[in-house]
């Protein structure tokens, strides 16, 4: 039996690729994955944070700020998404306006 713990997610295929990460508390960042560990701590380079609307903290604005090299603590990571091969679509569950 192996004593090395495996990660819940296999992020190895995303090393040196751009990923978007949602963190607890509502912050969202986009950066190049440089490393990770079994606790899902992430090292991101060339990172950009997407700023929230001050009047509606649940809404992300088009404003960004550069962060550079960061470490995302695994306990704060809620979602990891590769940016390659994804596209934004309209929400099909919202009622159509007449």
N, C-alpha and C. Protein backbone atom coordinates (compact mmCIF):
# COMPACT_ATOMS: atom_id res chain seq x y z
N UNK A 1 0.84 -1.18 0.00
CA UNK A 1 0.00 0.00 0.00
C UNK A 1 0.89 1.24 0.00
N UNK A 2 0.54 2.19 -0.82
CA UNK A 2 1.33 3.42 -0.95
C UNK A 2 1.04 4.36 0.20
N UNK A 3 2.09 4.99 0.72
CA UNK A 3 1.91 5.93 1.81
C UNK A 3 1.70 7.35 1.30
N UNK A 4 1.90 7.59 0.00
CA UNK A 4 1.72 8.92 -0.56
C UNK A 4 0.24 9.19 -0.80
N UNK A 5 -0.22 10.33 -0.31
CA UNK A 5 -1.62 10.70 -0.51
C UNK A 5 -1.81 11.26 -1.91
N UNK A 6 -2.94 10.92 -2.50
CA UNK A 6 -3.27 11.45 -3.81
C UNK A 6 -4.22 12.63 -3.64
N UNK A 7 -4.23 13.51 -4.61
CA UNK A 7 -5.13 14.65 -4.57
C UNK A 7 -6.51 14.24 -5.04
N UNK A 8 -7.49 15.01 -4.63
CA UNK A 8 -8.86 14.78 -5.06
C UNK A 8 -8.98 15.05 -6.56
N UNK A 9 -8.29 16.08 -7.03
CA UNK A 9 -8.29 16.45 -8.45
C UNK A 9 -6.92 16.19 -9.04
N UNK A 10 -6.89 15.73 -10.28
CA UNK A 10 -5.61 15.57 -10.98
C UNK A 10 -5.35 16.85 -11.76
N UNK A 11 -4.62 17.77 -11.16
CA UNK A 11 -4.33 19.05 -11.80
C UNK A 11 -3.05 19.03 -12.61
N UNK A 12 -2.36 17.89 -12.65
CA UNK A 12 -1.10 17.80 -13.37
C UNK A 12 -1.20 18.18 -14.83
N UNK A 13 -2.33 17.87 -15.45
CA UNK A 13 -2.49 18.19 -16.87
C UNK A 13 -2.70 19.68 -17.12
N UNK A 14 -2.91 20.46 -16.05
CA UNK A 14 -3.12 21.90 -16.19
C UNK A 14 -1.90 22.72 -15.78
N UNK A 15 -0.79 22.06 -15.46
CA UNK A 15 0.45 22.78 -15.12
C UNK A 15 0.86 23.62 -16.33
N UNK A 16 1.24 24.86 -16.07
CA UNK A 16 1.63 25.85 -17.09
C UNK A 16 0.49 26.21 -18.03
N UNK A 17 -0.75 25.99 -17.58
CA UNK A 17 -1.92 26.40 -18.35
C UNK A 17 -2.74 27.37 -17.50
N UNK A 18 -3.54 28.16 -18.16
CA UNK A 18 -4.36 29.16 -17.49
C UNK A 18 -5.59 28.50 -16.85
N UNK A 19 -5.84 28.82 -15.57
CA UNK A 19 -7.03 28.33 -14.88
C UNK A 19 -7.69 29.49 -14.14
N UNK A 20 -8.99 29.36 -13.95
CA UNK A 20 -9.76 30.33 -13.16
C UNK A 20 -10.12 29.65 -11.85
N UNK A 21 -9.93 30.36 -10.75
CA UNK A 21 -10.17 29.78 -9.43
C UNK A 21 -11.15 30.67 -8.67
N UNK A 22 -12.20 30.06 -8.12
CA UNK A 22 -13.12 30.76 -7.24
C UNK A 22 -12.75 30.38 -5.81
N UNK A 23 -12.66 31.40 -4.96
CA UNK A 23 -12.25 31.20 -3.58
C UNK A 23 -13.42 31.47 -2.64
N UNK A 24 -13.38 30.87 -1.46
CA UNK A 24 -14.41 31.16 -0.48
C UNK A 24 -14.32 32.64 -0.13
N UNK A 25 -15.46 33.25 0.09
CA UNK A 25 -15.49 34.69 0.32
C UNK A 25 -15.83 35.46 -0.94
N UNK A 26 -15.87 34.77 -2.09
CA UNK A 26 -16.31 35.39 -3.32
C UNK A 26 -15.24 35.88 -4.27
N UNK A 27 -13.99 35.83 -3.89
CA UNK A 27 -12.93 36.31 -4.79
C UNK A 27 -12.72 35.32 -5.93
N UNK A 28 -12.39 35.87 -7.11
CA UNK A 28 -12.08 35.05 -8.29
C UNK A 28 -10.78 35.53 -8.89
N UNK A 29 -9.93 34.57 -9.25
CA UNK A 29 -8.65 34.90 -9.86
C UNK A 29 -8.43 34.04 -11.10
N UNK A 30 -7.59 34.55 -11.99
CA UNK A 30 -7.20 33.84 -13.21
C UNK A 30 -5.69 33.88 -13.28
N UNK A 31 -5.07 32.72 -13.42
CA UNK A 31 -3.61 32.68 -13.48
C UNK A 31 -3.11 31.40 -14.10
N UNK A 32 -1.80 31.32 -14.23
CA UNK A 32 -1.15 30.14 -14.80
C UNK A 32 -0.74 29.22 -13.66
N UNK A 33 -1.24 28.00 -13.68
CA UNK A 33 -0.95 27.03 -12.62
C UNK A 33 0.51 26.61 -12.70
N UNK A 34 1.26 26.87 -11.63
CA UNK A 34 2.67 26.50 -11.57
C UNK A 34 2.92 25.31 -10.65
N UNK A 35 2.00 25.06 -9.71
CA UNK A 35 2.17 23.92 -8.82
C UNK A 35 0.97 23.74 -7.92
N UNK A 36 0.90 22.56 -7.30
CA UNK A 36 -0.19 22.23 -6.38
C UNK A 36 0.28 21.08 -5.50
N UNK A 37 -0.47 20.81 -4.44
CA UNK A 37 -0.15 19.67 -3.58
C UNK A 37 -1.42 18.89 -3.25
N UNK A 38 -1.29 17.87 -2.40
CA UNK A 38 -2.43 17.00 -2.10
C UNK A 38 -3.52 17.72 -1.30
N UNK A 39 -3.19 18.86 -0.69
CA UNK A 39 -4.19 19.63 0.05
C UNK A 39 -4.88 20.67 -0.84
N UNK A 40 -4.57 20.65 -2.12
CA UNK A 40 -5.11 21.56 -3.12
C UNK A 40 -4.63 23.00 -2.94
N UNK A 41 -3.49 23.19 -2.28
CA UNK A 41 -2.85 24.50 -2.29
C UNK A 41 -2.34 24.72 -3.70
N UNK A 42 -2.62 25.90 -4.26
CA UNK A 42 -2.27 26.19 -5.65
C UNK A 42 -1.27 27.32 -5.72
N UNK A 43 -0.31 27.21 -6.62
CA UNK A 43 0.61 28.30 -6.92
C UNK A 43 0.25 28.79 -8.32
N UNK A 44 -0.14 30.07 -8.40
CA UNK A 44 -0.53 30.67 -9.67
C UNK A 44 0.40 31.83 -9.99
N UNK A 45 0.80 31.94 -11.25
CA UNK A 45 1.66 33.05 -11.69
C UNK A 45 0.88 33.90 -12.69
N UNK A 46 1.33 35.14 -12.85
CA UNK A 46 0.67 36.10 -13.75
C UNK A 46 -0.82 36.17 -13.43
N UNK A 47 -1.13 36.27 -12.15
CA UNK A 47 -2.51 36.19 -11.68
C UNK A 47 -3.21 37.54 -11.76
N UNK A 48 -4.48 37.49 -12.13
CA UNK A 48 -5.34 38.66 -12.19
C UNK A 48 -6.57 38.38 -11.34
N UNK A 49 -6.95 39.34 -10.50
CA UNK A 49 -8.17 39.21 -9.70
C UNK A 49 -9.30 39.96 -10.38
N UNK A 50 -10.47 39.35 -10.42
CA UNK A 50 -11.67 40.00 -10.93
C UNK A 50 -12.36 40.68 -9.76
N UNK A 51 -12.56 42.00 -9.87
CA UNK A 51 -13.11 42.77 -8.76
C UNK A 51 -14.63 42.69 -8.74
N UNK A 52 -15.18 42.75 -7.52
CA UNK A 52 -16.62 42.68 -7.34
C UNK A 52 -17.23 44.08 -7.32
N UNK A 53 -18.51 44.14 -7.62
CA UNK A 53 -19.27 45.38 -7.58
C UNK A 53 -19.46 45.79 -6.12
N UNK A 54 -19.04 47.02 -5.73
CA UNK A 54 -19.19 47.42 -4.32
C UNK A 54 -20.64 47.49 -3.86
N UNK A 55 -21.57 47.73 -4.79
CA UNK A 55 -22.98 47.81 -4.43
C UNK A 55 -23.65 46.44 -4.40
N UNK A 56 -23.10 45.48 -5.13
CA UNK A 56 -23.64 44.12 -5.16
C UNK A 56 -22.46 43.15 -5.10
N UNK A 57 -22.04 42.75 -3.90
CA UNK A 57 -20.83 41.93 -3.75
C UNK A 57 -20.90 40.56 -4.43
N UNK A 58 -22.08 40.12 -4.85
CA UNK A 58 -22.19 38.84 -5.53
C UNK A 58 -21.92 38.95 -7.02
N UNK A 59 -21.82 40.18 -7.53
CA UNK A 59 -21.62 40.39 -8.96
C UNK A 59 -20.17 40.76 -9.25
N UNK A 60 -19.57 40.04 -10.20
CA UNK A 60 -18.20 40.32 -10.64
C UNK A 60 -18.26 41.38 -11.74
N UNK A 61 -17.40 42.39 -11.67
CA UNK A 61 -17.35 43.44 -12.69
C UNK A 61 -16.30 43.10 -13.74
N UNK A 62 -16.17 43.98 -14.72
CA UNK A 62 -15.14 43.83 -15.74
C UNK A 62 -13.79 44.37 -15.27
N UNK A 63 -13.76 44.98 -14.09
CA UNK A 63 -12.52 45.53 -13.56
C UNK A 63 -11.64 44.42 -13.01
N UNK A 64 -10.34 44.55 -13.24
CA UNK A 64 -9.38 43.56 -12.74
C UNK A 64 -8.21 44.28 -12.08
N UNK A 65 -7.43 43.53 -11.32
CA UNK A 65 -6.18 44.06 -10.80
C UNK A 65 -5.14 42.94 -10.84
N UNK A 66 -3.92 43.28 -11.24
CA UNK A 66 -2.87 42.26 -11.31
C UNK A 66 -2.34 41.91 -9.93
N UNK A 67 -2.13 40.62 -9.68
CA UNK A 67 -1.59 40.16 -8.40
C UNK A 67 -0.22 39.53 -8.55
N UNK A 68 0.12 39.04 -9.73
CA UNK A 68 1.42 38.40 -9.94
C UNK A 68 1.42 36.96 -9.45
N UNK A 69 2.46 36.59 -8.70
CA UNK A 69 2.61 35.22 -8.18
C UNK A 69 1.89 35.10 -6.85
N UNK A 70 0.97 34.15 -6.73
CA UNK A 70 0.21 33.98 -5.49
C UNK A 70 0.13 32.50 -5.11
N UNK A 71 -0.20 32.26 -3.84
CA UNK A 71 -0.51 30.92 -3.34
C UNK A 71 -1.95 30.95 -2.85
N UNK A 72 -2.78 30.07 -3.40
CA UNK A 72 -4.17 29.93 -2.95
C UNK A 72 -4.21 28.77 -1.96
N UNK A 73 -4.62 29.04 -0.76
CA UNK A 73 -4.71 27.98 0.25
C UNK A 73 -5.82 27.01 -0.13
N UNK A 74 -5.54 25.74 -0.04
CA UNK A 74 -6.47 24.71 -0.47
C UNK A 74 -7.82 24.76 0.21
N UNK A 75 -7.86 25.17 1.47
CA UNK A 75 -9.14 25.23 2.18
C UNK A 75 -10.02 26.36 1.66
N UNK A 76 -9.44 27.32 0.94
CA UNK A 76 -10.21 28.44 0.39
C UNK A 76 -10.66 28.19 -1.05
N UNK A 77 -10.10 27.17 -1.70
CA UNK A 77 -10.44 26.91 -3.11
C UNK A 77 -11.80 26.22 -3.18
N UNK A 78 -12.71 26.85 -3.92
CA UNK A 78 -14.04 26.27 -4.09
C UNK A 78 -14.22 25.66 -5.48
N UNK A 79 -13.53 26.23 -6.49
CA UNK A 79 -13.71 25.76 -7.86
C UNK A 79 -12.46 26.07 -8.67
N UNK A 80 -12.03 25.11 -9.48
CA UNK A 80 -10.93 25.30 -10.43
C UNK A 80 -11.48 24.99 -11.81
N UNK A 81 -11.20 25.88 -12.76
CA UNK A 81 -11.72 25.68 -14.11
C UNK A 81 -10.65 26.07 -15.12
N UNK A 82 -10.33 25.17 -16.06
CA UNK A 82 -9.38 25.55 -17.11
C UNK A 82 -10.03 26.58 -18.03
N UNK A 83 -9.24 27.51 -18.55
CA UNK A 83 -9.81 28.51 -19.45
C UNK A 83 -9.79 28.04 -20.89
N UNK A 84 -8.91 27.12 -21.24
CA UNK A 84 -8.87 26.58 -22.59
C UNK A 84 -10.04 25.63 -22.79
N UNK A 85 -10.75 25.80 -23.88
CA UNK A 85 -11.85 24.89 -24.20
C UNK A 85 -13.15 25.22 -23.51
N UNK A 86 -13.24 26.39 -22.88
CA UNK A 86 -14.49 26.78 -22.23
C UNK A 86 -14.98 28.08 -22.85
N UNK A 87 -16.28 28.28 -22.80
CA UNK A 87 -16.86 29.53 -23.28
C UNK A 87 -18.06 29.87 -22.43
N UNK A 88 -18.35 31.16 -22.34
CA UNK A 88 -19.47 31.62 -21.53
C UNK A 88 -20.74 31.54 -22.36
N UNK A 89 -21.81 31.02 -21.75
CA UNK A 89 -23.10 30.93 -22.43
C UNK A 89 -24.16 31.63 -21.58
N UNK A 90 -25.28 31.92 -22.20
CA UNK A 90 -26.40 32.53 -21.47
C UNK A 90 -26.99 31.50 -20.52
N UNK A 91 -27.49 31.96 -19.39
CA UNK A 91 -28.10 31.08 -18.40
C UNK A 91 -29.46 30.62 -18.91
N UNK A 92 -29.63 29.32 -19.18
CA UNK A 92 -30.91 28.84 -19.71
C UNK A 92 -32.02 28.80 -18.66
N UNK A 93 -31.69 29.01 -17.40
CA UNK A 93 -32.68 28.93 -16.33
C UNK A 93 -33.29 30.28 -15.99
N UNK A 94 -32.75 31.35 -16.55
CA UNK A 94 -33.34 32.67 -16.32
C UNK A 94 -34.56 32.82 -17.22
N UNK A 95 -35.60 33.41 -16.67
CA UNK A 95 -36.82 33.62 -17.45
C UNK A 95 -36.54 34.62 -18.57
N UNK A 96 -37.01 34.30 -19.76
CA UNK A 96 -36.83 35.20 -20.90
C UNK A 96 -37.68 36.44 -20.69
N UNK A 97 -37.08 37.60 -20.97
CA UNK A 97 -37.82 38.86 -20.83
C UNK A 97 -38.63 39.09 -22.10
N UNK A 98 -39.88 39.51 -21.92
CA UNK A 98 -40.76 39.76 -23.08
C UNK A 98 -40.66 41.18 -23.53
